[in-house]
Structure formats: structure tokens, C-alpha cells
Full PDB file with SEQRES, HELIX, SHEET, SSBOND, CRYST1, ORIGX, SCALE, CONECT and MASTER records, all heavy atoms in Angstrom:
SEQRES   1 A   41  ASP LEU VAL ALA ALA ILE ARG ASP LYS VAL PRO GLY ILE          
SEQRES   2 A   41  ALA LEU ARG SER THR LEU ILE ALA GLY PHE PRO GLY GLU          
SEQRES   3 A   41  THR ARG ASP ASP VAL GLU GLN LEU LYS LYS PHE LEU GLU          
SEQRES   4 A   41  ASP VAL                                                      
HELIX    1 AA1 LEU A    2  LYS A    9  1                                   8    
HELIX    2 AA2 ARG A   28  ASP A   40  1                                  13    
CRYST1    1.000    1.000    1.000  90.00  90.00  90.00 P 1           1          
ORIGX1      1.000000  0.000000  0.000000        0.00000                         
ORIGX2      0.000000  1.000000  0.000000        0.00000                         
ORIGX3      0.000000  0.000000  1.000000        0.00000                         
SCALE1      1.000000  0.000000  0.000000        0.00000                         
SCALE2      0.000000  1.000000  0.000000        0.00000                         
SCALE3      0.000000  0.000000  1.000000        0.00000                         
ATOM      1  N   ASP A   1     -13.436   1.026   2.682  1.00  0.00           N  
ATOM      2  CA  ASP A   1     -14.514   1.160   3.590  1.00  0.00           C  
ATOM      3  C   ASP A   1     -15.134  -0.190   4.037  1.00  0.00           C  
ATOM      4  O   ASP A   1     -15.497  -0.372   5.156  1.00  0.00           O  
ATOM      5  CB  ASP A   1     -15.652   2.040   2.961  1.00  0.00           C  
ATOM      6  CG  ASP A   1     -15.217   3.468   2.791  1.00  0.00           C  
ATOM      7  OD1 ASP A   1     -14.148   3.880   3.337  1.00  0.00           O  
ATOM      8  OD2 ASP A   1     -15.866   4.210   2.024  1.00  0.00           O  
ATOM      9  N   LEU A   2     -15.262  -1.086   3.041  1.00  0.00           N  
ATOM     10  CA  LEU A   2     -15.812  -2.390   3.352  1.00  0.00           C  
ATOM     11  C   LEU A   2     -14.974  -3.154   4.344  1.00  0.00           C  
ATOM     12  O   LEU A   2     -15.488  -3.744   5.306  1.00  0.00           O  
ATOM     13  CB  LEU A   2     -15.969  -3.243   2.049  1.00  0.00           C  
ATOM     14  CG  LEU A   2     -16.517  -4.602   2.179  1.00  0.00           C  
ATOM     15  CD1 LEU A   2     -17.863  -4.670   2.895  1.00  0.00           C  
ATOM     16  CD2 LEU A   2     -16.555  -5.350   0.853  1.00  0.00           C  
ATOM     17  N   VAL A   3     -13.647  -3.193   4.095  1.00  0.00           N  
ATOM     18  CA  VAL A   3     -12.736  -3.934   5.010  1.00  0.00           C  
ATOM     19  C   VAL A   3     -12.872  -3.277   6.413  1.00  0.00           C  
ATOM     20  O   VAL A   3     -12.964  -4.066   7.427  1.00  0.00           O  
ATOM     21  CB  VAL A   3     -11.283  -3.807   4.502  1.00  0.00           C  
ATOM     22  CG1 VAL A   3     -10.274  -4.324   5.556  1.00  0.00           C  
ATOM     23  CG2 VAL A   3     -11.101  -4.583   3.226  1.00  0.00           C  
ATOM     24  N   ALA A   4     -12.943  -1.959   6.536  1.00  0.00           N  
ATOM     25  CA  ALA A   4     -13.069  -1.298   7.815  1.00  0.00           C  
ATOM     26  C   ALA A   4     -14.366  -1.690   8.499  1.00  0.00           C  
ATOM     27  O   ALA A   4     -14.467  -1.981   9.717  1.00  0.00           O  
ATOM     28  CB  ALA A   4     -12.988   0.187   7.670  1.00  0.00           C  
ATOM     29  N   ALA A   5     -15.477  -1.720   7.704  1.00  0.00           N  
ATOM     30  CA  ALA A   5     -16.771  -2.108   8.216  1.00  0.00           C  
ATOM     31  C   ALA A   5     -16.841  -3.517   8.744  1.00  0.00           C  
ATOM     32  O   ALA A   5     -17.426  -3.814   9.806  1.00  0.00           O  
ATOM     33  CB  ALA A   5     -17.869  -1.881   7.129  1.00  0.00           C  
ATOM     34  N   ILE A   6     -16.206  -4.422   8.012  1.00  0.00           N  
ATOM     35  CA  ILE A   6     -16.165  -5.836   8.400  1.00  0.00           C  
ATOM     36  C   ILE A   6     -15.444  -5.965   9.740  1.00  0.00           C  
ATOM     37  O   ILE A   6     -15.880  -6.636  10.662  1.00  0.00           O  
ATOM     38  CB  ILE A   6     -15.529  -6.711   7.307  1.00  0.00           C  
ATOM     39  CG1 ILE A   6     -16.454  -6.786   6.071  1.00  0.00           C  
ATOM     40  CG2 ILE A   6     -15.208  -8.116   7.791  1.00  0.00           C  
ATOM     41  CD1 ILE A   6     -15.794  -7.393   4.808  1.00  0.00           C  
ATOM     42  N   ARG A   7     -14.293  -5.353   9.834  1.00  0.00           N  
ATOM     43  CA  ARG A   7     -13.495  -5.403  11.073  1.00  0.00           C  
ATOM     44  C   ARG A   7     -14.246  -4.727  12.235  1.00  0.00           C  
ATOM     45  O   ARG A   7     -14.076  -5.149  13.396  1.00  0.00           O  
ATOM     46  CB  ARG A   7     -12.128  -4.851  10.869  1.00  0.00           C  
ATOM     47  CG  ARG A   7     -11.258  -5.758  10.005  1.00  0.00           C  
ATOM     48  CD  ARG A   7      -9.894  -5.183   9.770  1.00  0.00           C  
ATOM     49  NE  ARG A   7      -8.982  -6.237   9.268  1.00  0.00           N  
ATOM     50  CZ  ARG A   7      -7.883  -5.973   8.579  1.00  0.00           C  
ATOM     51  NH1 ARG A   7      -7.591  -4.709   8.288  1.00  0.00           N  
ATOM     52  NH2 ARG A   7      -7.159  -6.952   8.158  1.00  0.00           N  
ATOM     53  N   ASP A   8     -14.969  -3.722  11.886  1.00  0.00           N  
ATOM     54  CA  ASP A   8     -15.710  -3.002  12.932  1.00  0.00           C  
ATOM     55  C   ASP A   8     -16.790  -3.920  13.546  1.00  0.00           C  
ATOM     56  O   ASP A   8     -17.058  -3.961  14.768  1.00  0.00           O  
ATOM     57  CB  ASP A   8     -16.278  -1.698  12.399  1.00  0.00           C  
ATOM     58  CG  ASP A   8     -17.049  -0.918  13.466  1.00  0.00           C  
ATOM     59  OD1 ASP A   8     -16.418  -0.659  14.464  1.00  0.00           O  
ATOM     60  OD2 ASP A   8     -18.230  -0.632  13.274  1.00  0.00           O  
ATOM     61  N   LYS A   9     -17.446  -4.650  12.638  1.00  0.00           N  
ATOM     62  CA  LYS A   9     -18.567  -5.499  13.100  1.00  0.00           C  
ATOM     63  C   LYS A   9     -18.096  -6.801  13.733  1.00  0.00           C  
ATOM     64  O   LYS A   9     -18.777  -7.321  14.612  1.00  0.00           O  
ATOM     65  CB  LYS A   9     -19.494  -5.855  11.858  1.00  0.00           C  
ATOM     66  CG  LYS A   9     -20.395  -4.740  11.474  1.00  0.00           C  
ATOM     67  CD  LYS A   9     -21.701  -5.272  10.864  1.00  0.00           C  
ATOM     68  CE  LYS A   9     -22.710  -4.188  10.720  1.00  0.00           C  
ATOM     69  NZ  LYS A   9     -24.137  -4.713  10.837  1.00  0.00           N  
ATOM     70  N   VAL A  10     -16.966  -7.403  13.228  1.00  0.00           N  
ATOM     71  CA  VAL A  10     -16.422  -8.577  13.851  1.00  0.00           C  
ATOM     72  C   VAL A  10     -14.950  -8.343  14.185  1.00  0.00           C  
ATOM     73  O   VAL A  10     -14.056  -8.679  13.427  1.00  0.00           O  
ATOM     74  CB  VAL A  10     -16.553  -9.773  12.807  1.00  0.00           C  
ATOM     75  CG1 VAL A  10     -16.166 -11.109  13.562  1.00  0.00           C  
ATOM     76  CG2 VAL A  10     -17.962  -9.895  12.286  1.00  0.00           C  
ATOM     77  N   PRO A  11     -14.718  -7.790  15.375  1.00  0.00           N  
ATOM     78  CA  PRO A  11     -13.333  -7.516  15.760  1.00  0.00           C  
ATOM     79  C   PRO A  11     -12.542  -8.861  15.846  1.00  0.00           C  
ATOM     80  O   PRO A  11     -13.059  -9.872  16.266  1.00  0.00           O  
ATOM     81  CB  PRO A  11     -13.490  -6.938  17.199  1.00  0.00           C  
ATOM     82  CG  PRO A  11     -14.870  -6.413  17.234  1.00  0.00           C  
ATOM     83  CD  PRO A  11     -15.692  -7.338  16.381  1.00  0.00           C  
ATOM     84  N   GLY A  12     -11.326  -8.808  15.295  1.00  0.00           N  
ATOM     85  CA  GLY A  12     -10.480  -9.977  15.365  1.00  0.00           C  
ATOM     86  C   GLY A  12     -10.731 -10.928  14.194  1.00  0.00           C  
ATOM     87  O   GLY A  12     -10.072 -12.021  14.147  1.00  0.00           O  
ATOM     88  N   ILE A  13     -11.612 -10.629  13.202  1.00  0.00           N  
ATOM     89  CA  ILE A  13     -11.887 -11.485  12.117  1.00  0.00           C  
ATOM     90  C   ILE A  13     -10.570 -11.675  11.268  1.00  0.00           C  
ATOM     91  O   ILE A  13      -9.775 -10.699  11.131  1.00  0.00           O  
ATOM     92  CB  ILE A  13     -13.007 -10.923  11.265  1.00  0.00           C  
ATOM     93  CG1 ILE A  13     -13.468 -11.986  10.222  1.00  0.00           C  
ATOM     94  CG2 ILE A  13     -12.653  -9.633  10.542  1.00  0.00           C  
ATOM     95  CD1 ILE A  13     -14.729 -11.566   9.453  1.00  0.00           C  
ATOM     96  N   ALA A  14     -10.379 -12.889  10.738  1.00  0.00           N  
ATOM     97  CA  ALA A  14      -9.257 -13.120   9.808  1.00  0.00           C  
ATOM     98  C   ALA A  14      -9.797 -12.903   8.334  1.00  0.00           C  
ATOM     99  O   ALA A  14     -10.767 -13.574   7.984  1.00  0.00           O  
ATOM    100  CB  ALA A  14      -8.746 -14.523   9.987  1.00  0.00           C  
ATOM    101  N   LEU A  15      -9.151 -12.086   7.627  1.00  0.00           N  
ATOM    102  CA  LEU A  15      -9.589 -11.769   6.205  1.00  0.00           C  
ATOM    103  C   LEU A  15      -8.604 -12.369   5.291  1.00  0.00           C  
ATOM    104  O   LEU A  15      -7.400 -12.079   5.307  1.00  0.00           O  
ATOM    105  CB  LEU A  15      -9.720 -10.281   5.999  1.00  0.00           C  
ATOM    106  CG  LEU A  15     -10.869  -9.586   6.689  1.00  0.00           C  
ATOM    107  CD1 LEU A  15     -10.837  -8.093   6.401  1.00  0.00           C  
ATOM    108  CD2 LEU A  15     -12.235 -10.123   6.098  1.00  0.00           C  
ATOM    109  N   ARG A  16      -9.114 -13.192   4.326  1.00  0.00           N  
ATOM    110  CA  ARG A  16      -8.300 -13.782   3.288  1.00  0.00           C  
ATOM    111  C   ARG A  16      -8.727 -13.215   1.946  1.00  0.00           C  
ATOM    112  O   ARG A  16      -9.903 -12.952   1.808  1.00  0.00           O  
ATOM    113  CB  ARG A  16      -8.483 -15.263   3.272  1.00  0.00           C  
ATOM    114  CG  ARG A  16      -7.776 -15.906   2.096  1.00  0.00           C  
ATOM    115  CD  ARG A  16      -7.849 -17.470   2.010  1.00  0.00           C  
ATOM    116  NE  ARG A  16      -7.080 -17.809   0.885  1.00  0.00           N  
ATOM    117  CZ  ARG A  16      -5.674 -17.888   0.870  1.00  0.00           C  
ATOM    118  NH1 ARG A  16      -5.064 -17.639   1.945  1.00  0.00           N  
ATOM    119  NH2 ARG A  16      -5.050 -18.181  -0.190  1.00  0.00           N  
ATOM    120  N   SER A  17      -7.765 -12.965   1.055  1.00  0.00           N  
ATOM    121  CA  SER A  17      -8.179 -12.439  -0.308  1.00  0.00           C  
ATOM    122  C   SER A  17      -7.299 -13.050  -1.380  1.00  0.00           C  
ATOM    123  O   SER A  17      -6.219 -13.566  -1.066  1.00  0.00           O  
ATOM    124  CB  SER A  17      -8.098 -10.932  -0.350  1.00  0.00           C  
ATOM    125  OG  SER A  17      -8.777 -10.512  -1.519  1.00  0.00           O  
ATOM    126  N   THR A  18      -7.803 -12.997  -2.556  1.00  0.00           N  
ATOM    127  CA  THR A  18      -6.903 -13.358  -3.754  1.00  0.00           C  
ATOM    128  C   THR A  18      -6.839 -12.086  -4.656  1.00  0.00           C  
ATOM    129  O   THR A  18      -7.719 -11.283  -4.718  1.00  0.00           O  
ATOM    130  CB  THR A  18      -7.496 -14.493  -4.590  1.00  0.00           C  
ATOM    131  OG1 THR A  18      -8.878 -14.247  -4.832  1.00  0.00           O  
ATOM    132  CG2 THR A  18      -7.316 -15.786  -3.880  1.00  0.00           C  
ATOM    133  N   LEU A  19      -5.612 -11.957  -5.283  1.00  0.00           N  
ATOM    134  CA  LEU A  19      -5.338 -10.856  -6.152  1.00  0.00           C  
ATOM    135  C   LEU A  19      -4.782 -11.313  -7.496  1.00  0.00           C  
ATOM    136  O   LEU A  19      -4.341 -12.509  -7.602  1.00  0.00           O  
ATOM    137  CB  LEU A  19      -4.293  -9.938  -5.447  1.00  0.00           C  
ATOM    138  CG  LEU A  19      -4.616  -9.480  -4.090  1.00  0.00           C  
ATOM    139  CD1 LEU A  19      -3.339  -8.841  -3.476  1.00  0.00           C  
ATOM    140  CD2 LEU A  19      -5.743  -8.450  -4.050  1.00  0.00           C  
ATOM    141  N   ILE A  20      -4.881 -10.449  -8.506  1.00  0.00           N  
ATOM    142  CA  ILE A  20      -4.356 -10.782  -9.821  1.00  0.00           C  
ATOM    143  C   ILE A  20      -3.289  -9.839 -10.234  1.00  0.00           C  
ATOM    144  O   ILE A  20      -3.441  -8.616 -10.081  1.00  0.00           O  
ATOM    145  CB  ILE A  20      -5.496 -10.772 -10.924  1.00  0.00           C  
ATOM    146  CG1 ILE A  20      -6.551 -11.868 -10.637  1.00  0.00           C  
ATOM    147  CG2 ILE A  20      -4.880 -10.931 -12.320  1.00  0.00           C  
ATOM    148  CD1 ILE A  20      -7.712 -11.817 -11.521  1.00  0.00           C  
ATOM    149  N   ALA A  21      -2.129 -10.351 -10.621  1.00  0.00           N  
ATOM    150  CA  ALA A  21      -1.046  -9.482 -11.140  1.00  0.00           C  
ATOM    151  C   ALA A  21      -0.930  -9.650 -12.619  1.00  0.00           C  
ATOM    152  O   ALA A  21      -1.078 -10.748 -13.174  1.00  0.00           O  
ATOM    153  CB  ALA A  21       0.273  -9.922 -10.483  1.00  0.00           C  
ATOM    154  N   GLY A  22      -0.714  -8.494 -13.294  1.00  0.00           N  
ATOM    155  CA  GLY A  22      -0.428  -8.559 -14.775  1.00  0.00           C  
ATOM    156  C   GLY A  22      -1.629  -8.562 -15.634  1.00  0.00           C  
ATOM    157  O   GLY A  22      -1.547  -8.933 -16.795  1.00  0.00           O  
ATOM    158  N   PHE A  23      -2.755  -8.047 -15.138  1.00  0.00           N  
ATOM    159  CA  PHE A  23      -3.945  -7.829 -16.014  1.00  0.00           C  
ATOM    160  C   PHE A  23      -3.575  -6.839 -17.113  1.00  0.00           C  
ATOM    161  O   PHE A  23      -2.798  -5.934 -16.866  1.00  0.00           O  
ATOM    162  CB  PHE A  23      -5.109  -7.375 -15.184  1.00  0.00           C  
ATOM    163  CG  PHE A  23      -6.405  -7.286 -15.883  1.00  0.00           C  
ATOM    164  CD1 PHE A  23      -7.240  -8.435 -16.013  1.00  0.00           C  
ATOM    165  CD2 PHE A  23      -6.870  -6.138 -16.505  1.00  0.00           C  
ATOM    166  CE1 PHE A  23      -8.443  -8.369 -16.660  1.00  0.00           C  
ATOM    167  CE2 PHE A  23      -8.052  -6.080 -17.223  1.00  0.00           C  
ATOM    168  CZ  PHE A  23      -8.849  -7.209 -17.318  1.00  0.00           C  
ATOM    169  N   PRO A  24      -4.169  -7.035 -18.330  1.00  0.00           N  
ATOM    170  CA  PRO A  24      -3.838  -6.090 -19.420  1.00  0.00           C  
ATOM    171  C   PRO A  24      -4.011  -4.619 -18.989  1.00  0.00           C  
ATOM    172  O   PRO A  24      -5.012  -4.184 -18.417  1.00  0.00           O  
ATOM    173  CB  PRO A  24      -4.870  -6.466 -20.487  1.00  0.00           C  
ATOM    174  CG  PRO A  24      -5.141  -7.889 -20.264  1.00  0.00           C  
ATOM    175  CD  PRO A  24      -5.062  -8.078 -18.790  1.00  0.00           C  
ATOM    176  N   GLY A  25      -2.939  -3.826 -19.256  1.00  0.00           N  
ATOM    177  CA  GLY A  25      -3.001  -2.407 -18.982  1.00  0.00           C  
ATOM    178  C   GLY A  25      -2.496  -2.074 -17.596  1.00  0.00           C  
ATOM    179  O   GLY A  25      -2.496  -0.883 -17.238  1.00  0.00           O  
ATOM    180  N   GLU A  26      -2.139  -3.089 -16.764  1.00  0.00           N  
ATOM    181  CA  GLU A  26      -1.694  -2.756 -15.432  1.00  0.00           C  
ATOM    182  C   GLU A  26      -0.363  -1.989 -15.503  1.00  0.00           C  
ATOM    183  O   GLU A  26       0.548  -2.358 -16.216  1.00  0.00           O  
ATOM    184  CB  GLU A  26      -1.482  -4.084 -14.635  1.00  0.00           C  
ATOM    185  CG  GLU A  26      -1.100  -3.835 -13.181  1.00  0.00           C  
ATOM    186  CD  GLU A  26      -0.823  -5.147 -12.431  1.00  0.00           C  
ATOM    187  OE1 GLU A  26       0.174  -5.850 -12.890  1.00  0.00           O  
ATOM    188  OE2 GLU A  26      -1.475  -5.426 -11.470  1.00  0.00           O  
ATOM    189  N   THR A  27      -0.314  -0.869 -14.734  1.00  0.00           N  
ATOM    190  CA  THR A  27       0.851  -0.067 -14.773  1.00  0.00           C  
ATOM    191  C   THR A  27       1.682  -0.224 -13.457  1.00  0.00           C  
ATOM    192  O   THR A  27       1.206  -0.827 -12.494  1.00  0.00           O  
ATOM    193  CB  THR A  27       0.475   1.426 -14.881  1.00  0.00           C  
ATOM    194  OG1 THR A  27      -0.278   1.778 -13.716  1.00  0.00           O  
ATOM    195  CG2 THR A  27      -0.367   1.692 -16.101  1.00  0.00           C  
ATOM    196  N   ARG A  28       2.850   0.386 -13.403  1.00  0.00           N  
ATOM    197  CA  ARG A  28       3.656   0.360 -12.173  1.00  0.00           C  
ATOM    198  C   ARG A  28       2.843   1.029 -11.065  1.00  0.00           C  
ATOM    199  O   ARG A  28       2.921   0.590  -9.909  1.00  0.00           O  
ATOM    200  CB  ARG A  28       4.951   1.071 -12.413  1.00  0.00           C  
ATOM    201  CG  ARG A  28       6.125   0.360 -12.984  1.00  0.00           C  
ATOM    202  CD  ARG A  28       6.506  -0.949 -12.416  1.00  0.00           C  
ATOM    203  NE  ARG A  28       6.551  -1.008 -10.908  1.00  0.00           N  
ATOM    204  CZ  ARG A  28       6.658  -2.091 -10.228  1.00  0.00           C  
ATOM    205  NH1 ARG A  28       6.712  -3.293 -10.757  1.00  0.00           N  
ATOM    206  NH2 ARG A  28       6.690  -2.066  -8.890  1.00  0.00           N  
ATOM    207  N   ASP A  29       2.188   2.072 -11.412  1.00  0.00           N  
ATOM    208  CA  ASP A  29       1.391   2.822 -10.413  1.00  0.00           C  
ATOM    209  C   ASP A  29       0.304   1.911  -9.823  1.00  0.00           C  
ATOM    210  O   ASP A  29       0.048   1.914  -8.589  1.00  0.00           O  
ATOM    211  CB  ASP A  29       0.689   4.046 -11.009  1.00  0.00           C  
ATOM    212  CG  ASP A  29      -0.020   4.862 -10.005  1.00  0.00           C  
ATOM    213  OD1 ASP A  29       0.618   5.191  -8.969  1.00  0.00           O  
ATOM    214  OD2 ASP A  29      -1.238   5.186 -10.190  1.00  0.00           O  
ATOM    215  N   ASP A  30      -0.334   1.101 -10.660  1.00  0.00           N  
ATOM    216  CA  ASP A  30      -1.347   0.156 -10.167  1.00  0.00           C  
ATOM    217  C   ASP A  30      -0.769  -0.842  -9.128  1.00  0.00           C  
ATOM    218  O   ASP A  30      -1.377  -1.167  -8.123  1.00  0.00           O  
ATOM    219  CB  ASP A  30      -2.029  -0.659 -11.270  1.00  0.00           C  
ATOM    220  CG  ASP A  30      -2.764   0.293 -12.240  1.00  0.00           C  
ATOM    221  OD1 ASP A  30      -3.389   1.235 -11.782  1.00  0.00           O  
ATOM    222  OD2 ASP A  30      -2.719  -0.065 -13.472  1.00  0.00           O  
ATOM    223  N   VAL A  31       0.442  -1.362  -9.456  1.00  0.00           N  
ATOM    224  CA  VAL A  31       1.144  -2.294  -8.608  1.00  0.00           C  
ATOM    225  C   VAL A  31       1.482  -1.627  -7.255  1.00  0.00           C  
ATOM    226  O   VAL A  31       1.291  -2.229  -6.217  1.00  0.00           O  
ATOM    227  CB  VAL A  31       2.402  -2.880  -9.273  1.00  0.00           C  
ATOM    228  CG1 VAL A  31       3.236  -3.773  -8.298  1.00  0.00           C  
ATOM    229  CG2 VAL A  31       2.107  -3.604 -10.538  1.00  0.00           C  
ATOM    230  N   GLU A  32       1.963  -0.377  -7.334  1.00  0.00           N  
ATOM    231  CA  GLU A  32       2.320   0.337  -6.069  1.00  0.00           C  
ATOM    232  C   GLU A  32       1.084   0.562  -5.236  1.00  0.00           C  
ATOM    233  O   GLU A  32       1.116   0.469  -3.998  1.00  0.00           O  
ATOM    234  CB  GLU A  32       2.991   1.694  -6.445  1.00  0.00           C  
ATOM    235  CG  GLU A  32       4.397   1.545  -7.040  1.00  0.00           C  
ATOM    236  CD  GLU A  32       5.344   0.675  -6.248  1.00  0.00           C  
ATOM    237  OE1 GLU A  32       5.368   0.789  -4.995  1.00  0.00           O  
ATOM    238  OE2 GLU A  32       6.080  -0.120  -6.824  1.00  0.00           O  
ATOM    239  N   GLN A  33      -0.065   0.861  -5.908  1.00  0.00           N  
ATOM    240  CA  GLN A  33      -1.323   1.094  -5.143  1.00  0.00           C  
ATOM    241  C   GLN A  33      -1.733  -0.252  -4.403  1.00  0.00           C  
ATOM    242  O   GLN A  33      -2.180  -0.168  -3.305  1.00  0.00           O  
ATOM    243  CB  GLN A  33      -2.417   1.494  -6.082  1.00  0.00           C  
ATOM    244  CG  GLN A  33      -2.414   2.947  -6.501  1.00  0.00           C  
ATOM    245  CD  GLN A  33      -3.746   3.314  -7.206  1.00  0.00           C  
ATOM    246  OE1 GLN A  33      -4.784   3.162  -6.726  1.00  0.00           O  
ATOM    247  NE2 GLN A  33      -3.543   3.836  -8.429  1.00  0.00           N  
ATOM    248  N   LEU A  34      -1.519  -1.351  -5.068  1.00  0.00           N  
ATOM    249  CA  LEU A  34      -1.856  -2.616  -4.485  1.00  0.00           C  
ATOM    250  C   LEU A  34      -0.941  -2.918  -3.246  1.00  0.00           C  
ATOM    251  O   LEU A  34      -1.453  -3.356  -2.195  1.00  0.00           O  
ATOM    252  CB  LEU A  34      -1.715  -3.745  -5.517  1.00  0.00           C  
ATOM    253  CG  LEU A  34      -2.372  -5.065  -5.235  1.00  0.00           C  
ATOM    254  CD1 LEU A  34      -3.767  -4.981  -4.682  1.00  0.00           C  
ATOM    255  CD2 LEU A  34      -2.386  -5.926  -6.561  1.00  0.00           C  
ATOM    256  N   LYS A  35       0.312  -2.639  -3.397  1.00  0.00           N  
ATOM    257  CA  LYS A  35       1.233  -2.878  -2.265  1.00  0.00           C  
ATOM    258  C   LYS A  35       0.903  -1.933  -1.073  1.00  0.00           C  
ATOM    259  O   LYS A  35       0.896  -2.330   0.048  1.00  0.00           O  
ATOM    260  CB  LYS A  35       2.685  -2.620  -2.748  1.00  0.00           C  
ATOM    261  CG  LYS A  35       3.290  -3.741  -3.541  1.00  0.00           C  
ATOM    262  CD  LYS A  35       4.427  -3.329  -4.454  1.00  0.00           C  
ATOM    263  CE  LYS A  35       5.591  -2.871  -3.694  1.00  0.00           C  
ATOM    264  NZ  LYS A  35       6.742  -2.504  -4.615  1.00  0.00           N  
ATOM    265  N   LYS A  36       0.564  -0.693  -1.455  1.00  0.00           N  
ATOM    266  CA  LYS A  36       0.153   0.269  -0.360  1.00  0.00           C  
ATOM    267  C   LYS A  36      -1.129  -0.192   0.308  1.00  0.00           C  
ATOM    268  O   LYS A  36      -1.235  -0.118   1.564  1.00  0.00           O  
ATOM    269  CB  LYS A  36      -0.005   1.664  -0.953  1.00  0.00           C  
ATOM    270  CG  LYS A  36      -0.318   2.694   0.106  1.00  0.00           C  
ATOM    271  CD  LYS A  36      -0.441   4.087  -0.426  1.00  0.00           C  
ATOM    272  CE  LYS A  36      -0.649   5.153   0.701  1.00  0.00           C  
ATOM    273  NZ  LYS A  36      -1.808   4.879   1.597  1.00  0.00           N  
ATOM    274  N   PHE A  37      -2.077  -0.700  -0.413  1.00  0.00           N  
ATOM    275  CA  PHE A  37      -3.291  -1.209   0.146  1.00  0.00           C  
ATOM    276  C   PHE A  37      -2.971  -2.324   1.116  1.00  0.00           C  
ATOM    277  O   PHE A  37      -3.545  -2.342   2.278  1.00  0.00           O  
ATOM    278  CB  PHE A  37      -4.227  -1.771  -0.996  1.00  0.00           C  
ATOM    279  CG  PHE A  37      -5.405  -2.535  -0.532  1.00  0.00           C  
ATOM    280  CD1 PHE A  37      -6.432  -1.892   0.111  1.00  0.00           C  
ATOM    281  CD2 PHE A  37      -5.455  -3.898  -0.632  1.00  0.00           C  
ATOM    282  CE1 PHE A  37      -7.565  -2.656   0.540  1.00  0.00           C  
ATOM    283  CE2 PHE A  37      -6.522  -4.625  -0.222  1.00  0.00           C  
ATOM    284  CZ  PHE A  37      -7.613  -3.997   0.393  1.00  0.00           C  
ATOM    285  N   LEU A  38      -2.106  -3.250   0.752  1.00  0.00           N  
ATOM    286  CA  LEU A  38      -1.779  -4.355   1.701  1.00  0.00           C  
ATOM    287  C   LEU A  38      -1.118  -3.780   2.940  1.00  0.00           C  
ATOM    288  O   LEU A  38      -1.414  -4.261   4.081  1.00  0.00           O  
ATOM    289  CB  LEU A  38      -0.861  -5.352   1.010  1.00  0.00           C  
ATOM    290  CG  LEU A  38      -1.435  -6.187  -0.102  1.00  0.00           C  
ATOM    291  CD1 LEU A  38      -0.388  -7.078  -0.746  1.00  0.00           C  
ATOM    292  CD2 LEU A  38      -2.669  -6.990   0.324  1.00  0.00           C  
ATOM    293  N   GLU A  39      -0.286  -2.811   2.852  1.00  0.00           N  
ATOM    294  CA  GLU A  39       0.369  -2.211   3.994  1.00  0.00           C  
ATOM    295  C   GLU A  39      -0.659  -1.407   4.830  1.00  0.00           C  
ATOM    296  O   GLU A  39      -0.603  -1.416   6.087  1.00  0.00           O  
ATOM    297  CB  GLU A  39       1.453  -1.237   3.533  1.00  0.00           C  
ATOM    298  CG  GLU A  39       2.754  -2.002   3.113  1.00  0.00           C  
ATOM    299  CD  GLU A  39       3.670  -1.123   2.311  1.00  0.00           C  
ATOM    300  OE1 GLU A  39       3.333  -0.008   1.955  1.00  0.00           O  
ATOM    301  OE2 GLU A  39       4.820  -1.622   1.970  1.00  0.00           O  
ATOM    302  N   ASP A  40      -1.672  -0.813   4.166  1.00  0.00           N  
ATOM    303  CA  ASP A  40      -2.657  -0.024   4.938  1.00  0.00           C  
ATOM    304  C   ASP A  40      -3.610  -0.964   5.697  1.00  0.00           C  
ATOM    305  O   ASP A  40      -3.869  -0.726   6.861  1.00  0.00           O  
ATOM    306  CB  ASP A  40      -3.493   0.797   3.959  1.00  0.00           C  
ATOM    307  CG  ASP A  40      -2.722   1.976   3.351  1.00  0.00           C  
ATOM    308  OD1 ASP A  40      -1.675   2.297   3.892  1.00  0.00           O  
ATOM    309  OD2 ASP A  40      -3.231   2.551   2.345  1.00  0.00           O  
ATOM    310  N   VAL A  41      -4.159  -1.979   5.040  1.00  0.00           N  
ATOM    311  CA  VAL A  41      -5.199  -2.770   5.715  1.00  0.00           C  
ATOM    312  C   VAL A  41      -4.733  -4.019   6.371  1.00  0.00           C  
ATOM    313  O   VAL A  41      -5.390  -4.645   7.151  1.00  0.00           O  
ATOM    314  CB  VAL A  41      -6.387  -3.058   4.689  1.00  0.00           C  
ATOM    315  CG1 VAL A  41      -6.979  -1.794   4.110  1.00  0.00           C  
ATOM    316  CG2 VAL A  41      -5.954  -4.044   3.647  1.00  0.00           C  
TER     317      VAL A  41                                                      
MASTER        0    0    0    2    0    0    0    6  316    1    0    4          
END                                                                             
């Protein structure tokens, strides 16, 4: 929702982020969710 709101308020904004891979307890499902998120937004 936040990413959508930012883009709605500032059309054309460039969004940069950092992510962490391999945090304790991270599962394959968590990794897949992260990849889907990148594809979605």
C-alpha cells in the first residue's frame, strides 16, 4: 500500500530499496514472496 501511495502522489518517482537474504528462519516460501513482490511492484 505504501509503495502504491508514494507512486500515486509522485508519478514517475524512482524507488530504491535494500533487502536482506538469509535471515535466520527464512524459508523458500519467504524467498518466493520476495521475488513476487519485486515482480509486482
